Amino acid sequence: MIEITHEEFENQYEEYLTKIEGGEQFLIRLPSGRCVAAVPQSAVGSSEYVHPWDKHWNAVDKLSEDT
């Protein structure tokens, strides 16, 4: 997986979305230092990618950049 900055992602948003929809995966480094994975919808829930909170739906809703 290639790591990019949040600024790079925002500046080339449409290009990265096209790449992600085409199957590429990226780690997006947020200003806080955290990373989020950007993966194609087809990879979510498959054997290729299992979301770490797949059994904890409420935990995902409570995530925020400030915590």
C-alpha atoms as a PDB file:
ATOM      1  CA  MET A   1       0.000   0.000   0.000  1.00  0.00           C
ATOM      2  CA  ILE A   2       1.315   3.438  -0.890  1.00  0.00           C
ATOM      3  CA  GLU A   3       1.214   6.153   1.780  1.00  0.00           C
ATOM      4  CA  ILE A   4       0.188   9.678   0.757  1.00  0.00           C
ATOM      5  CA  THR A   5      -0.530  12.820   2.723  1.00  0.00           C
ATOM      6  CA  HIS A   6      -4.011  14.169   3.273  1.00  0.00           C
ATOM      7  CA  GLU A   7      -2.968  17.264   1.327  1.00  0.00           C
ATOM      8  CA  GLU A   8      -1.891  15.149  -1.673  1.00  0.00           C
ATOM      9  CA  PHE A   9      -5.218  13.306  -1.559  1.00  0.00           C
ATOM     10  CA  GLU A  10      -7.236  16.520  -1.394  1.00  0.00           C
ATOM     11  CA  ASN A  11      -5.227  18.215  -4.167  1.00  0.00           C
ATOM     12  CA  GLN A  12      -5.665  15.274  -6.555  1.00  0.00           C
ATOM     13  CA  TYR A  13      -8.981  13.991  -5.216  1.00  0.00           C
ATOM     14  CA  GLU A  14     -10.571  12.906  -8.511  1.00  0.00           C
ATOM     15  CA  GLU A  15      -7.385  11.201  -9.700  1.00  0.00           C
ATOM     16  CA  TYR A  16      -7.064   9.236  -6.455  1.00  0.00           C
ATOM     17  CA  LEU A  17     -10.737   8.230  -6.535  1.00  0.00           C
ATOM     18  CA  THR A  18     -10.260   6.901 -10.060  1.00  0.00           C
ATOM     19  CA  LYS A  19      -7.191   4.940  -8.950  1.00  0.00           C
ATOM     20  CA  ILE A  20      -9.021   3.552  -5.912  1.00  0.00           C
ATOM     21  CA  GLU A  21     -12.029   2.539  -8.015  1.00  0.00           C
ATOM     22  CA  GLY A  22      -9.534   0.825 -10.339  1.00  0.00           C
ATOM     23  CA  GLY A  23      -8.267  -1.348  -7.491  1.00  0.00           C
ATOM     24  CA  GLU A  24      -5.356   0.598  -6.010  1.00  0.00           C
ATOM     25  CA  GLN A  25      -5.117   1.001  -2.240  1.00  0.00           C
ATOM     26  CA  PHE A  26      -3.616   3.902  -0.291  1.00  0.00           C
ATOM     27  CA  LEU A  27      -2.846   4.895   3.275  1.00  0.00           C
ATOM     28  CA  ILE A  28      -3.765   8.536   3.792  1.00  0.00           C
ATOM     29  CA  ARG A  29      -1.723  10.208   6.532  1.00  0.00           C
ATOM     30  CA  LEU A  30      -3.860  12.753   8.375  1.00  0.00           C
ATOM     31  CA  PRO A  31      -2.386  15.924   9.934  1.00  0.00           C
ATOM     32  CA  SER A  32      -2.753  14.323  13.390  1.00  0.00           C
ATOM     33  CA  GLY A  33      -0.438  11.498  12.345  1.00  0.00           C
ATOM     34  CA  ARG A  34      -3.165   8.889  12.050  1.00  0.00           C
ATOM     35  CA  CYS A  35      -3.578   6.907   8.817  1.00  0.00           C
ATOM     36  CA  VAL A  36      -6.759   5.803   7.128  1.00  0.00           C
ATOM     37  CA  ALA A  37      -6.949   3.174   4.416  1.00  0.00           C
ATOM     38  CA  ALA A  38      -8.531   4.090   1.095  1.00  0.00           C
ATOM     39  CA  VAL A  39      -9.586   0.860  -0.603  1.00  0.00           C
ATOM     40  CA  PRO A  40     -12.037   0.032  -3.390  1.00  0.00           C
ATOM     41  CA  GLN A  41     -15.573  -0.859  -2.353  1.00  0.00           C
ATOM     42  CA  SER A  42     -15.099  -4.307  -3.870  1.00  0.00           C
ATOM     43  CA  ALA A  43     -12.314  -5.050  -1.352  1.00  0.00           C
ATOM     44  CA  VAL A  44     -14.368  -4.162   1.726  1.00  0.00           C
ATOM     45  CA  GLY A  45     -15.829  -7.243   3.339  1.00  0.00           C
ATOM     46  CA  SER A  46     -14.005  -9.623   1.007  1.00  0.00           C
ATOM     47  CA  SER A  47     -11.263 -11.962   2.126  1.00  0.00           C
ATOM     48  CA  GLU A  48      -8.766  -9.384   0.827  1.00  0.00           C
ATOM     49  CA  TYR A  49      -9.750  -6.728   3.370  1.00  0.00           C
ATOM     50  CA  VAL A  50     -11.610  -7.097   6.656  1.00  0.00           C
ATOM     51  CA  HIS A  51     -12.473  -3.906   8.478  1.00  0.00           C
ATOM     52  CA  PRO A  52     -11.045  -4.023  12.012  1.00  0.00           C
ATOM     53  CA  TRP A  53     -14.361  -2.898  13.494  1.00  0.00           C
ATOM     54  CA  ASP A  54     -16.566  -5.197  11.457  1.00  0.00           C
ATOM     55  CA  LYS A  55     -18.373  -6.293  14.635  1.00  0.00           C
ATOM     56  CA  HIS A  56     -18.428  -2.898  16.343  1.00  0.00           C
ATOM     57  CA  TRP A  57     -20.536  -0.533  14.231  1.00  0.00           C
ATOM     58  CA  ASN A  58     -20.973   2.084  16.961  1.00  0.00           C
ATOM     59  CA  ALA A  59     -17.218   2.431  17.477  1.00  0.00           C
ATOM     60  CA  VAL A  60     -16.740   3.576  13.863  1.00  0.00           C
ATOM     61  CA  ASP A  61     -19.397   6.275  14.246  1.00  0.00           C
ATOM     62  CA  LYS A  62     -17.627   7.690  17.309  1.00  0.00           C
ATOM     63  CA  LEU A  63     -14.194   8.031  15.705  1.00  0.00           C
ATOM     64  CA  SER A  64     -13.017  11.585  15.283  1.00  0.00           C
ATOM     65  CA  GLU A  65      -9.788  13.310  14.386  1.00  0.00           C
ATOM     66  CA  ASP A  66      -9.670  15.024  17.796  1.00  0.00           C
ATOM     67  CA  THR A  67      -9.627  11.885  19.971  1.00  0.00           C
END
